[in-house]
C-alpha atoms as a PDB file:
ATOM      1  CA  UNK A   1     118.447  87.512 101.179  1.00  0.00           C
ATOM      2  CA  UNK A   2     117.477  85.808  98.011  1.00  0.00           C
ATOM      3  CA  UNK A   3     114.461  84.394  99.669  1.00  0.00           C
ATOM      4  CA  UNK A   4     113.157  87.862 100.996  1.00  0.00           C
ATOM      5  CA  UNK A   5     113.847  89.464  97.569  1.00  0.00           C
ATOM      6  CA  UNK A   6     111.440  86.787  96.174  1.00  0.00           C
ATOM      7  CA  UNK A   7     108.854  87.276  98.637  1.00  0.00           C
ATOM      8  CA  UNK A   8     109.025  91.150  97.935  1.00  0.00           C
ATOM      9  CA  UNK A   9     109.096  90.214  94.333  1.00  0.00           C
ATOM     10  CA  UNK A  10     105.672  88.148  94.950  1.00  0.00           C
ATOM     11  CA  UNK A  11     104.294  90.723  97.116  1.00  0.00           C
ATOM     12  CA  UNK A  12     104.774  93.782  94.661  1.00  0.00           C
ATOM     13  CA  UNK A  13     103.454  91.515  91.943  1.00  0.00           C
ATOM     14  CA  UNK A  14     100.367  90.958  94.025  1.00  0.00           C
ATOM     15  CA  UNK A  15      99.734  94.729  95.057  1.00  0.00           C
ATOM     16  CA  UNK A  16     100.556  96.220  91.509  1.00  0.00           C
ATOM     17  CA  UNK A  17      98.201  93.954  89.723  1.00  0.00           C
ATOM     18  CA  UNK A  18      95.878  96.796  89.132  1.00  0.00           C
ATOM     19  CA  UNK A  19      98.500  98.927  87.201  1.00  0.00           C
ATOM     20  CA  UNK A  20      97.750  96.940  83.972  1.00  0.00           C
ATOM     21  CA  UNK A  21      94.221  97.670  84.166  1.00  0.00           C
ATOM     22  CA  UNK A  22      94.453 101.254  85.170  1.00  0.00           C
ATOM     23  CA  UNK A  23      96.918 102.054  82.192  1.00  0.00           C
ATOM     24  CA  UNK A  24      94.730  99.723  79.920  1.00  0.00           C
ATOM     25  CA  UNK A  25      91.616 102.115  80.436  1.00  0.00           C
ATOM     26  CA  UNK A  26      93.550 105.136  80.389  1.00  0.00           C
ATOM     27  CA  UNK A  27      94.962 104.103  76.931  1.00  0.00           C
ATOM     28  CA  UNK A  28      91.284 103.808  75.735  1.00  0.00           C
ATOM     29  CA  UNK A  29      90.802 107.831  75.951  1.00  0.00           C
ATOM     30  CA  UNK A  30      94.594 109.070  75.878  1.00  0.00           C
ATOM     31  CA  UNK A  31      96.648 108.410  72.858  1.00  0.00           C
ATOM     32  CA  UNK A  32     100.468 108.082  73.693  1.00  0.00           C
ATOM     33  CA  UNK A  33     101.920 110.281  76.327  1.00  0.00           C
ATOM     34  CA  UNK A  34     103.006 107.335  78.216  1.00  0.00           C
ATOM     35  CA  UNK A  35     105.643 109.104  80.072  1.00  0.00           C
ATOM     36  CA  UNK A  36     103.388 111.616  81.552  1.00  0.00           C
ATOM     37  CA  UNK A  37     100.569 109.156  82.638  1.00  0.00           C
ATOM     38  CA  UNK A  38     103.417 107.167  84.190  1.00  0.00           C
ATOM     39  CA  UNK A  39     104.915 110.347  86.018  1.00  0.00           C
ATOM     40  CA  UNK A  40     101.326 111.001  87.199  1.00  0.00           C
ATOM     41  CA  UNK A  41     100.983 107.634  88.576  1.00  0.00           C
ATOM     42  CA  UNK A  42     104.234 107.732  90.467  1.00  0.00           C
ATOM     43  CA  UNK A  43     103.052 110.933  92.045  1.00  0.00           C
ATOM     44  CA  UNK A  44      99.928 109.475  93.093  1.00  0.00           C
ATOM     45  CA  UNK A  45     101.900 106.456  94.570  1.00  0.00           C
ATOM     46  CA  UNK A  46     104.390 108.531  96.243  1.00  0.00           C
ATOM     47  CA  UNK A  47     101.942 111.097  97.397  1.00  0.00           C
ATOM     48  CA  UNK A  48     104.179 113.779  95.496  1.00  0.00           C
ATOM     49  CA  UNK A  49     102.855 116.570  93.551  1.00  0.00           C
ATOM     50  CA  UNK A  50     103.665 116.769  89.832  1.00  0.00           C
ATOM     51  CA  UNK A  51     104.301 120.071  87.531  1.00  0.00           C
ATOM     52  CA  UNK A  52     103.243 119.452  83.944  1.00  0.00           C
ATOM     53  CA  UNK A  53     104.775 121.975  81.428  1.00  0.00           C
ATOM     54  CA  UNK A  54     103.706 121.851  77.835  1.00  0.00           C
ATOM     55  CA  UNK A  55     102.068 123.969  75.019  1.00  0.00           C
ATOM     56  CA  UNK A  56      98.193 124.059  75.182  1.00  0.00           C
ATOM     57  CA  UNK A  57      96.265 121.216  73.460  1.00  0.00           C
ATOM     58  CA  UNK A  58      98.424 118.409  74.758  1.00  0.00           C
ATOM     59  CA  UNK A  59      95.830 116.487  76.692  1.00  0.00           C
ATOM     60  CA  UNK A  60      97.279 117.374  79.986  1.00  0.00           C
ATOM     61  CA  UNK A  61      93.773 118.207  81.516  1.00  0.00           C
ATOM     62  CA  UNK A  62      92.168 115.303  79.653  1.00  0.00           C
ATOM     63  CA  UNK A  63      94.813 113.020  81.251  1.00  0.00           C
ATOM     64  CA  UNK A  64      94.353 114.283  84.715  1.00  0.00           C
ATOM     65  CA  UNK A  65      90.483 113.913  84.485  1.00  0.00           C
ATOM     66  CA  UNK A  66      90.831 110.306  83.021  1.00  0.00           C
ATOM     67  CA  UNK A  67      93.165 109.266  85.973  1.00  0.00           C
ATOM     68  CA  UNK A  68      90.999 110.441  88.571  1.00  0.00           C
ATOM     69  CA  UNK A  69      87.795 108.695  86.642  1.00  0.00           C
ATOM     70  CA  UNK A  70      89.408 105.555  86.283  1.00  0.00           C
ATOM     71  CA  UNK A  71      90.563 105.128  90.143  1.00  0.00           C
ATOM     72  CA  UNK A  72      86.987 106.779  91.442  1.00  0.00           C
ATOM     73  CA  UNK A  73      88.760 109.567  92.747  1.00  0.00           C
ATOM     74  CA  UNK A  74      87.272 113.281  93.338  1.00  0.00           C
ATOM     75  CA  UNK A  75      88.550 115.744  90.948  1.00  0.00           C
ATOM     76  CA  UNK A  76      88.261 119.489  90.800  1.00  0.00           C
ATOM     77  CA  UNK A  77      89.600 121.834  88.046  1.00  0.00           C
ATOM     78  CA  UNK A  78      90.923 125.163  89.079  1.00  0.00           C
ATOM     79  CA  UNK A  79      91.702 127.805  86.832  1.00  0.00           C
ATOM     80  CA  UNK A  80      94.471 130.034  88.032  1.00  0.00           C
ATOM     81  CA  UNK A  81      93.964 133.732  87.177  1.00  0.00           C
ATOM     82  CA  UNK A  82      95.422 137.113  88.128  1.00  0.00           C
ATOM     83  CA  UNK A  83      92.250 137.945  90.086  1.00  0.00           C
ATOM     84  CA  UNK A  84      91.879 134.583  92.073  1.00  0.00           C
ATOM     85  CA  UNK A  85      91.901 134.957  95.670  1.00  0.00           C
ATOM     86  CA  UNK A  86      92.869 132.439  98.372  1.00  0.00           C
ATOM     87  CA  UNK A  87      89.372 131.922  99.550  1.00  0.00           C
ATOM     88  CA  UNK A  88      88.544 131.024  96.029  1.00  0.00           C
ATOM     89  CA  UNK A  89      90.914 128.112  96.450  1.00  0.00           C
ATOM     90  CA  UNK A  90      90.844 127.176 100.309  1.00  0.00           C
ATOM     91  CA  UNK A  91      87.522 128.562 101.011  1.00  0.00           C
ATOM     92  CA  UNK A  92      86.573 131.061 103.811  1.00  0.00           C
ATOM     93  CA  UNK A  93      84.280 131.531 106.876  1.00  0.00           C
ATOM     94  CA  UNK A  94      80.686 132.472 106.290  1.00  0.00           C
ATOM     95  CA  UNK A  95      78.447 134.317 108.736  1.00  0.00           C
ATOM     96  CA  UNK A  96      75.092 132.842 109.332  1.00  0.00           C
ATOM     97  CA  UNK A  97      72.536 135.609 110.307  1.00  0.00           C
ATOM     98  CA  UNK A  98      70.133 133.155 111.961  1.00  0.00           C
ATOM     99  CA  UNK A  99      72.536 131.569 114.439  1.00  0.00           C
ATOM    100  CA  UNK A 100      74.811 134.490 114.464  1.00  0.00           C
ATOM    101  CA  UNK A 101      77.928 132.152 114.406  1.00  0.00           C
ATOM    102  CA  UNK A 102      80.729 132.021 111.663  1.00  0.00           C
ATOM    103  CA  UNK A 103      80.905 128.356 109.811  1.00  0.00           C
ATOM    104  CA  UNK A 104      83.437 127.166 107.336  1.00  0.00           C
ATOM    105  CA  UNK A 105      82.752 126.933 103.620  1.00  0.00           C
ATOM    106  CA  UNK A 106      85.268 124.623 102.227  1.00  0.00           C
ATOM    107  CA  UNK A 107      87.094 125.380  98.786  1.00  0.00           C
ATOM    108  CA  UNK A 108      87.638 123.343  95.539  1.00  0.00           C
ATOM    109  CA  UNK A 109      90.996 122.252  96.969  1.00  0.00           C
ATOM    110  CA  UNK A 110      89.141 119.717  99.279  1.00  0.00           C
ATOM    111  CA  UNK A 111      89.431 116.593  96.655  1.00  0.00           C
ATOM    112  CA  UNK A 112      91.700 114.078  95.796  1.00  0.00           C
ATOM    113  CA  UNK A 113      93.155 115.118  92.740  1.00  0.00           C
ATOM    114  CA  UNK A 114      93.567 118.822  91.957  1.00  0.00           C
ATOM    115  CA  UNK A 115      94.414 120.198  88.611  1.00  0.00           C
ATOM    116  CA  UNK A 116      95.652 123.689  89.059  1.00  0.00           C
ATOM    117  CA  UNK A 117      95.845 124.805  85.606  1.00  0.00           C
ATOM    118  CA  UNK A 118      98.498 127.520  84.471  1.00  0.00           C
ATOM    119  CA  UNK A 119      99.535 127.728  88.009  1.00  0.00           C
ATOM    120  CA  UNK A 120     101.959 130.678  87.461  1.00  0.00           C
ATOM    121  CA  UNK A 121      98.786 132.928  86.469  1.00  0.00           C
ATOM    122  CA  UNK A 122      97.657 133.604  89.956  1.00  0.00           C
ATOM    123  CA  UNK A 123      99.147 136.125  92.338  1.00  0.00           C
ATOM    124  CA  UNK A 124     101.838 135.316  95.289  1.00  0.00           C
ATOM    125  CA  UNK A 125      99.050 135.093  98.018  1.00  0.00           C
ATOM    126  CA  UNK A 126      97.255 132.328  95.990  1.00  0.00           C
ATOM    127  CA  UNK A 127     100.230 130.233  95.357  1.00  0.00           C
ATOM    128  CA  UNK A 128     101.380 130.545  99.232  1.00  0.00           C
ATOM    129  CA  UNK A 129      97.957 129.263 100.273  1.00  0.00           C
ATOM    130  CA  UNK A 130      98.270 126.275  97.856  1.00  0.00           C
ATOM    131  CA  UNK A 131     101.851 125.858  99.228  1.00  0.00           C
ATOM    132  CA  UNK A 132     100.225 124.996 102.549  1.00  0.00           C
ATOM    133  CA  UNK A 133      97.961 122.527 101.339  1.00  0.00           C
ATOM    134  CA  UNK A 134     100.731 120.786  99.383  1.00  0.00           C
ATOM    135  CA  UNK A 135     103.157 120.799 102.309  1.00  0.00           C
ATOM    136  CA  UNK A 136     100.791 120.116 105.403  1.00  0.00           C
ATOM    137  CA  UNK A 137      97.994 118.734 103.543  1.00  0.00           C
ATOM    138  CA  UNK A 138      95.538 120.691 105.427  1.00  0.00           C
ATOM    139  CA  UNK A 139      93.696 124.288 105.377  1.00  0.00           C
ATOM    140  CA  UNK A 140      93.397 126.736 107.997  1.00  0.00           C
ATOM    141  CA  UNK A 141      90.210 128.967 108.215  1.00  0.00           C
ATOM    142  CA  UNK A 142      89.761 130.938 111.239  1.00  0.00           C
ATOM    143  CA  UNK A 143      90.975 129.181 114.187  1.00  0.00           C
ATOM    144  CA  UNK A 144      89.983 125.642 112.572  1.00  0.00           C
ATOM    145  CA  UNK A 145      92.215 123.336 110.819  1.00  0.00           C
ATOM    146  CA  UNK A 146      90.726 120.862 108.256  1.00  0.00           C
ATOM    147  CA  UNK A 147      92.653 117.989 106.927  1.00  0.00           C
ATOM    148  CA  UNK A 148      92.492 117.432 103.328  1.00  0.00           C
ATOM    149  CA  UNK A 149      91.397 113.972 101.720  1.00  0.00           C
ATOM    150  CA  UNK A 150      93.511 111.057 101.220  1.00  0.00           C
ATOM    151  CA  UNK A 151      94.925 110.851  98.682  1.00  0.00           C
ATOM    152  CA  UNK A 152      95.748 114.514  98.068  1.00  0.00           C
ATOM    153  CA  UNK A 153      97.601 115.131  94.820  1.00  0.00           C
ATOM    154  CA  UNK A 154      98.143 118.645  93.129  1.00  0.00           C
ATOM    155  CA  UNK A 155      98.930 118.307  89.440  1.00  0.00           C
ATOM    156  CA  UNK A 156      99.676 121.885  87.961  1.00  0.00           C
ATOM    157  CA  UNK A 157     100.259 122.811  84.756  1.00  0.00           C
ATOM    158  CA  UNK A 158     102.440 125.740  82.869  1.00  0.00           C
ATOM    159  CA  UNK A 159     102.477 127.008  79.659  1.00  0.00           C
ATOM    160  CA  UNK A 160     106.113 127.753  78.579  1.00  0.00           C
ATOM    161  CA  UNK A 161     104.876 130.150  75.659  1.00  0.00           C
ATOM    162  CA  UNK A 162     102.781 133.000  77.212  1.00  0.00           C
ATOM    163  CA  UNK A 163     104.513 134.642  79.940  1.00  0.00           C
ATOM    164  CA  UNK A 164     103.014 137.850  79.934  1.00  0.00           C
ATOM    165  CA  UNK A 165     100.887 138.416  82.859  1.00  0.00           C
ATOM    166  CA  UNK A 166     102.338 135.226  84.786  1.00  0.00           C
ATOM    167  CA  UNK A 167     103.843 135.105  88.326  1.00  0.00           C
ATOM    168  CA  UNK A 168     106.783 133.139  88.161  1.00  0.00           C
ATOM    169  CA  UNK A 169     106.669 130.249  90.748  1.00  0.00           C
ATOM    170  CA  UNK A 170     109.162 131.030  93.646  1.00  0.00           C
ATOM    171  CA  UNK A 171     112.082 128.044  94.033  1.00  0.00           C
ATOM    172  CA  UNK A 172     110.405 127.337  97.442  1.00  0.00           C
ATOM    173  CA  UNK A 173     107.142 126.399  95.984  1.00  0.00           C
ATOM    174  CA  UNK A 174     108.786 124.665  92.765  1.00  0.00           C
ATOM    175  CA  UNK A 175     111.017 122.404  95.110  1.00  0.00           C
ATOM    176  CA  UNK A 176     107.785 121.070  96.631  1.00  0.00           C
ATOM    177  CA  UNK A 177     106.862 119.368  93.316  1.00  0.00           C
ATOM    178  CA  UNK A 178     108.101 115.929  93.476  1.00  0.00           C
ATOM    179  CA  UNK A 179     108.449 115.832  89.701  1.00  0.00           C
ATOM    180  CA  UNK A 180     108.555 118.309  86.774  1.00  0.00           C
ATOM    181  CA  UNK A 181     107.428 116.696  83.447  1.00  0.00           C
ATOM    182  CA  UNK A 182     107.931 118.290  80.044  1.00  0.00           C
ATOM    183  CA  UNK A 183     104.910 117.261  77.746  1.00  0.00           C
ATOM    184  CA  UNK A 184     105.975 117.079  74.206  1.00  0.00           C
ATOM    185  CA  UNK A 185     104.032 116.821  71.087  1.00  0.00           C
ATOM    186  CA  UNK A 186     102.584 113.320  69.713  1.00  0.00           C
ATOM    187  CA  UNK A 187     104.215 111.625  66.854  1.00  0.00           C
ATOM    188  CA  UNK A 188     102.463 111.614  63.575  1.00  0.00           C
ATOM    189  CA  UNK A 189     101.010 108.244  63.883  1.00  0.00           C
ATOM    190  CA  UNK A 190      99.700 109.179  67.269  1.00  0.00           C
ATOM    191  CA  UNK A 191      98.064 112.449  65.967  1.00  0.00           C
ATOM    192  CA  UNK A 192      96.193 110.479  63.479  1.00  0.00           C
ATOM    193  CA  UNK A 193      94.708 108.336  66.111  1.00  0.00           C
ATOM    194  CA  UNK A 194      93.771 111.318  68.275  1.00  0.00           C
ATOM    195  CA  UNK A 195      92.179 112.847  65.231  1.00  0.00           C
ATOM    196  CA  UNK A 196      90.159 109.961  64.466  1.00  0.00           C
ATOM    197  CA  UNK A 197      88.996 109.414  67.990  1.00  0.00           C
ATOM    198  CA  UNK A 198      88.133 112.855  68.790  1.00  0.00           C
ATOM    199  CA  UNK A 199      86.090 113.526  65.646  1.00  0.00           C
ATOM    200  CA  UNK A 200      84.115 110.240  65.924  1.00  0.00           C
ATOM    201  CA  UNK A 201      80.426 110.143  66.901  1.00  0.00           C
ATOM    202  CA  UNK A 202      81.031 109.847  70.424  1.00  0.00           C
ATOM    203  CA  UNK A 203      84.774 110.671  72.366  1.00  0.00           C
ATOM    204  CA  UNK A 204      85.743 107.741  74.362  1.00  0.00           C
ATOM    205  CA  UNK A 205      84.659 107.741  78.093  1.00  0.00           C
ATOM    206  CA  UNK A 206      86.937 106.195  80.814  1.00  0.00           C
ATOM    207  CA  UNK A 207      85.278 103.779  83.230  1.00  0.00           C
ATOM    208  CA  UNK A 208      86.213 103.137  86.908  1.00  0.00           C
ATOM    209  CA  UNK A 209      88.346 100.132  86.918  1.00  0.00           C
ATOM    210  CA  UNK A 210      90.433 100.759  90.291  1.00  0.00           C
ATOM    211  CA  UNK A 211      89.227 101.314  93.547  1.00  0.00           C
ATOM    212  CA  UNK A 212      90.904 104.039  95.763  1.00  0.00           C
ATOM    213  CA  UNK A 213      91.678 101.176  98.411  1.00  0.00           C
ATOM    214  CA  UNK A 214      93.781  99.130  95.688  1.00  0.00           C
ATOM    215  CA  UNK A 215      95.834 102.521  95.115  1.00  0.00           C
ATOM    216  CA  UNK A 216      96.357 102.924  99.124  1.00  0.00           C
ATOM    217  CA  UNK A 217      97.257  99.223  99.357  1.00  0.00           C
ATOM    218  CA  UNK A 218      99.991  99.814  96.489  1.00  0.00           C
ATOM    219  CA  UNK A 219     101.386 103.181  98.569  1.00  0.00           C
ATOM    220  CA  UNK A 220     101.345 101.332 101.747  1.00  0.00           C
ATOM    221  CA  UNK A 221     104.015  98.357 100.565  1.00  0.00           C
ATOM    222  CA  UNK A 222     105.823 100.912  98.240  1.00  0.00           C
ATOM    223  CA  UNK A 223     108.593 101.401 101.191  1.00  0.00           C
ATOM    224  CA  UNK A 224     109.199  97.221 101.150  1.00  0.00           C
ATOM    225  CA  UNK A 225     110.749  97.320  97.526  1.00  0.00           C
ATOM    226  CA  UNK A 226     114.272  96.291  98.199  1.00  0.00           C
ATOM    227  CA  UNK A 227     116.873  99.206  97.493  1.00  0.00           C
ATOM    228  CA  UNK A 228     120.606  98.012  97.755  1.00  0.00           C
ATOM    229  CA  UNK A 229     123.310 100.119  99.473  1.00  0.00           C
ATOM    230  CA  UNK A 230     124.996 100.761  96.109  1.00  0.00           C
ATOM    231  CA  UNK A 231     122.099 102.421  94.641  1.00  0.00           C
ATOM    232  CA  UNK A 232     121.669 104.554  97.475  1.00  0.00           C
ATOM    233  CA  UNK A 233     125.374 105.748  96.850  1.00  0.00           C
ATOM    234  CA  UNK A 234     124.633 106.178  93.209  1.00  0.00           C
ATOM    235  CA  UNK A 235     121.504 108.428  94.010  1.00  0.00           C
ATOM    236  CA  UNK A 236     123.806 110.479  96.504  1.00  0.00           C
ATOM    237  CA  UNK A 237     126.503 110.769  93.808  1.00  0.00           C
ATOM    238  CA  UNK A 238     124.058 112.221  91.259  1.00  0.00           C
ATOM    239  CA  UNK A 239     122.683 114.676  93.877  1.00  0.00           C
ATOM    240  CA  UNK A 240     126.137 115.784  95.225  1.00  0.00           C
ATOM    241  CA  UNK A 241     127.506 116.183  91.704  1.00  0.00           C
ATOM    242  CA  UNK A 242     124.952 118.755  91.073  1.00  0.00           C
ATOM    243  CA  UNK A 243     126.591 120.659  94.061  1.00  0.00           C
ATOM    244  CA  UNK A 244     130.032 119.764  93.711  1.00  0.00           C
ATOM    245  CA  UNK A 245     130.684 118.691  90.204  1.00  0.00           C
ATOM    246  CA  UNK A 246     134.702 119.136  90.822  1.00  0.00           C
ATOM    247  CA  UNK A 247     134.842 116.312  93.123  1.00  0.00           C
ATOM    248  CA  UNK A 248     133.524 113.958  90.639  1.00  0.00           C
ATOM    249  CA  UNK A 249     135.584 114.769  87.754  1.00  0.00           C
ATOM    250  CA  UNK A 250     133.084 117.205  86.316  1.00  0.00           C
ATOM    251  CA  UNK A 251     134.863 120.419  86.684  1.00  0.00           C
ATOM    252  CA  UNK A 252     133.708 121.923  83.407  1.00  0.00           C
ATOM    253  CA  UNK A 253     130.104 121.696  84.882  1.00  0.00           C
ATOM    254  CA  UNK A 254     131.250 124.092  88.026  1.00  0.00           C
ATOM    255  CA  UNK A 255     130.613 127.225  86.067  1.00  0.00           C
ATOM    256  CA  UNK A 256     127.284 126.297  84.580  1.00  0.00           C
ATOM    257  CA  UNK A 257     125.475 125.306  87.725  1.00  0.00           C
ATOM    258  CA  UNK A 258     124.394 128.167  90.326  1.00  0.00           C
ATOM    259  CA  UNK A 259     122.583 125.894  92.919  1.00  0.00           C
ATOM    260  CA  UNK A 260     122.619 122.203  93.041  1.00  0.00           C
ATOM    261  CA  UNK A 261     119.873 119.978  94.023  1.00  0.00           C
ATOM    262  CA  UNK A 262     118.313 120.111  97.639  1.00  0.00           C
ATOM    263  CA  UNK A 263     118.095 117.139  99.949  1.00  0.00           C
ATOM    264  CA  UNK A 264     114.551 116.839  98.556  1.00  0.00           C
ATOM    265  CA  UNK A 265     115.998 115.549  95.432  1.00  0.00           C
ATOM    266  CA  UNK A 266     117.727 112.520  97.044  1.00  0.00           C
ATOM    267  CA  UNK A 267     114.440 111.825  98.838  1.00  0.00           C
ATOM    268  CA  UNK A 268     112.218 112.082  95.920  1.00  0.00           C
ATOM    269  CA  UNK A 269     114.584 110.367  93.717  1.00  0.00           C
ATOM    270  CA  UNK A 270     114.564 106.933  96.065  1.00  0.00           C
ATOM    271  CA  UNK A 271     110.720 107.229  96.203  1.00  0.00           C
ATOM    272  CA  UNK A 272     110.182 107.605  92.317  1.00  0.00           C
ATOM    273  CA  UNK A 273     112.623 105.122  91.503  1.00  0.00           C
ATOM    274  CA  UNK A 274     110.533 102.783  93.700  1.00  0.00           C
ATOM    275  CA  UNK A 275     107.384 103.481  92.367  1.00  0.00           C
ATOM    276  CA  UNK A 276     109.215 103.124  88.838  1.00  0.00           C
ATOM    277  CA  UNK A 277     109.980  99.702  89.841  1.00  0.00           C
ATOM    278  CA  UNK A 278     106.233  98.997  91.264  1.00  0.00           C
ATOM    279  CA  UNK A 279     104.735 100.082  87.847  1.00  0.00           C
ATOM    280  CA  UNK A 280     106.840  97.270  86.329  1.00  0.00           C
ATOM    281  CA  UNK A 281     105.670  94.958  88.771  1.00  0.00           C
ATOM    282  CA  UNK A 282     109.178  94.413  90.381  1.00  0.00           C
ATOM    283  CA  UNK A 283     110.137  94.423  94.054  1.00  0.00           C
ATOM    284  CA  UNK A 284     113.539  95.911  93.711  1.00  0.00           C
ATOM    285  CA  UNK A 285     115.402  98.912  91.996  1.00  0.00           C
ATOM    286  CA  UNK A 286     117.979  98.886  89.222  1.00  0.00           C
ATOM    287  CA  UNK A 287     120.184 101.829  87.897  1.00  0.00           C
ATOM    288  CA  UNK A 288     117.802 102.097  85.058  1.00  0.00           C
ATOM    289  CA  UNK A 289     114.975 103.135  87.651  1.00  0.00           C
ATOM    290  CA  UNK A 290     117.205 105.813  88.658  1.00  0.00           C
ATOM    291  CA  UNK A 291     117.957 107.176  85.353  1.00  0.00           C
ATOM    292  CA  UNK A 292     114.484 107.002  84.042  1.00  0.00           C
ATOM    293  CA  UNK A 293     113.118 109.334  86.573  1.00  0.00           C
ATOM    294  CA  UNK A 294     116.216 111.603  87.396  1.00  0.00           C
ATOM    295  CA  UNK A 295     115.522 114.142  84.890  1.00  0.00           C
ATOM    296  CA  UNK A 296     111.747 114.772  86.103  1.00  0.00           C
ATOM    297  CA  UNK A 297     112.978 114.781  89.889  1.00  0.00           C
ATOM    298  CA  UNK A 298     116.160 117.105  89.135  1.00  0.00           C
ATOM    299  CA  UNK A 299     115.507 119.520  86.340  1.00  0.00           C
ATOM    300  CA  UNK A 300     113.510 122.261  88.212  1.00  0.00           C
ATOM    301  CA  UNK A 301     115.852 121.661  91.294  1.00  0.00           C
ATOM    302  CA  UNK A 302     119.279 122.430  89.452  1.00  0.00           C
ATOM    303  CA  UNK A 303     119.622 126.014  88.903  1.00  0.00           C
ATOM    304  CA  UNK A 304     121.713 127.079  85.931  1.00  0.00           C
ATOM    305  CA  UNK A 305     123.891 130.163  85.919  1.00  0.00           C
ATOM    306  CA  UNK A 306     124.106 132.779  83.330  1.00  0.00           C
ATOM    307  CA  UNK A 307     127.010 131.265  81.774  1.00  0.00           C
ATOM    308  CA  UNK A 308     124.993 128.356  80.878  1.00  0.00           C
ATOM    309  CA  UNK A 309     122.043 130.124  79.424  1.00  0.00           C
ATOM    310  CA  UNK A 310     124.312 132.170  77.438  1.00  0.00           C
ATOM    311  CA  UNK A 311     125.699 128.619  75.843  1.00  0.00           C
ATOM    312  CA  UNK A 312     122.111 127.725  75.480  1.00  0.00           C
ATOM    313  CA  UNK A 313     122.631 124.790  78.414  1.00  0.00           C
ATOM    314  CA  UNK A 314     119.423 123.871  79.984  1.00  0.00           C
ATOM    315  CA  UNK A 315     119.410 122.073  83.477  1.00  0.00           C
ATOM    316  CA  UNK A 316     118.365 119.095  81.611  1.00  0.00           C
ATOM    317  CA  UNK A 317     121.774 119.130  79.896  1.00  0.00           C
ATOM    318  CA  UNK A 318     123.963 119.449  82.552  1.00  0.00           C
ATOM    319  CA  UNK A 319     121.743 116.665  84.392  1.00  0.00           C
ATOM    320  CA  UNK A 320     122.255 114.430  81.368  1.00  0.00           C
ATOM    321  CA  UNK A 321     125.958 114.976  81.325  1.00  0.00           C
ATOM    322  CA  UNK A 322     126.269 113.879  85.092  1.00  0.00           C
ATOM    323  CA  UNK A 323     124.478 110.689  84.263  1.00  0.00           C
ATOM    324  CA  UNK A 324     126.575 110.162  81.312  1.00  0.00           C
ATOM    325  CA  UNK A 325     129.753 110.376  83.222  1.00  0.00           C
ATOM    326  CA  UNK A 326     129.295 108.792  86.541  1.00  0.00           C
ATOM    327  CA  UNK A 327     129.506 105.326  86.972  1.00  0.00           C
ATOM    328  CA  UNK A 328     126.301 103.119  87.778  1.00  0.00           C
ATOM    329  CA  UNK A 329     126.463 100.173  89.914  1.00  0.00           C
END
């Protein structure tokens, strides 16, 4: 077993060599926001979509565009508005008068990385059209089905301040996002650097430093990262504690959790932990990897009750209590 683990470690070190080049180039443009960058890379490695929530001006769009430029991926930014139609997203069938036939005109969703800006401003029909893209990774126009390019990653943003004229995402769609990341303000020192960079003669521009093939090879070996049975049990303990807290000596949380995490949480928690280890050039998962990604995987899957809201307890607070109380392997 020890020899196998050493071989896995060496293989992961080899295939994850591009990570340092990539994060270094991103760091030339983006100041701080290490957690947001890491979560985007986890989504890219795991083929999982990411929901970014934060006030305007925190470089969400710039970060996503920078990642796409650094890996030479096609990128499209789609501004979601109340008058957006599904055809504006996925495309439509266009009639050709000369031939008398309909032909598909593919929409902007046909790209490797999609930034769905302010996703909750679009009506339900548009959100459901995006849902097929996210889940099935294909688009149906007329009687034809078109596969989306690989990799295909949706990075959606939400503004937590302005809620007027928005259409809250249904739970079924929110559950499709592998991670929900809360983007915070930079520190004072970081903001000083941002101010100086962006007011210079020319803002920094990222260079392509990683080929998509390198990312694809990293994704292909991700499942080989070793996960011990005790780690699997730890993941299940965390997820099941959100559903039946009383069975894990957390009876006080029962009144605060309306719905626990779905089975997708267990799947995504294991995948995200593997990607977290991969970013650190490690061929095995530790309990720290689980704890590092647990909040982002679970915060949109644990629904608090009215009692929790009345006591100003958010889903993050409940998840933290579970992580603090459960014994890690």
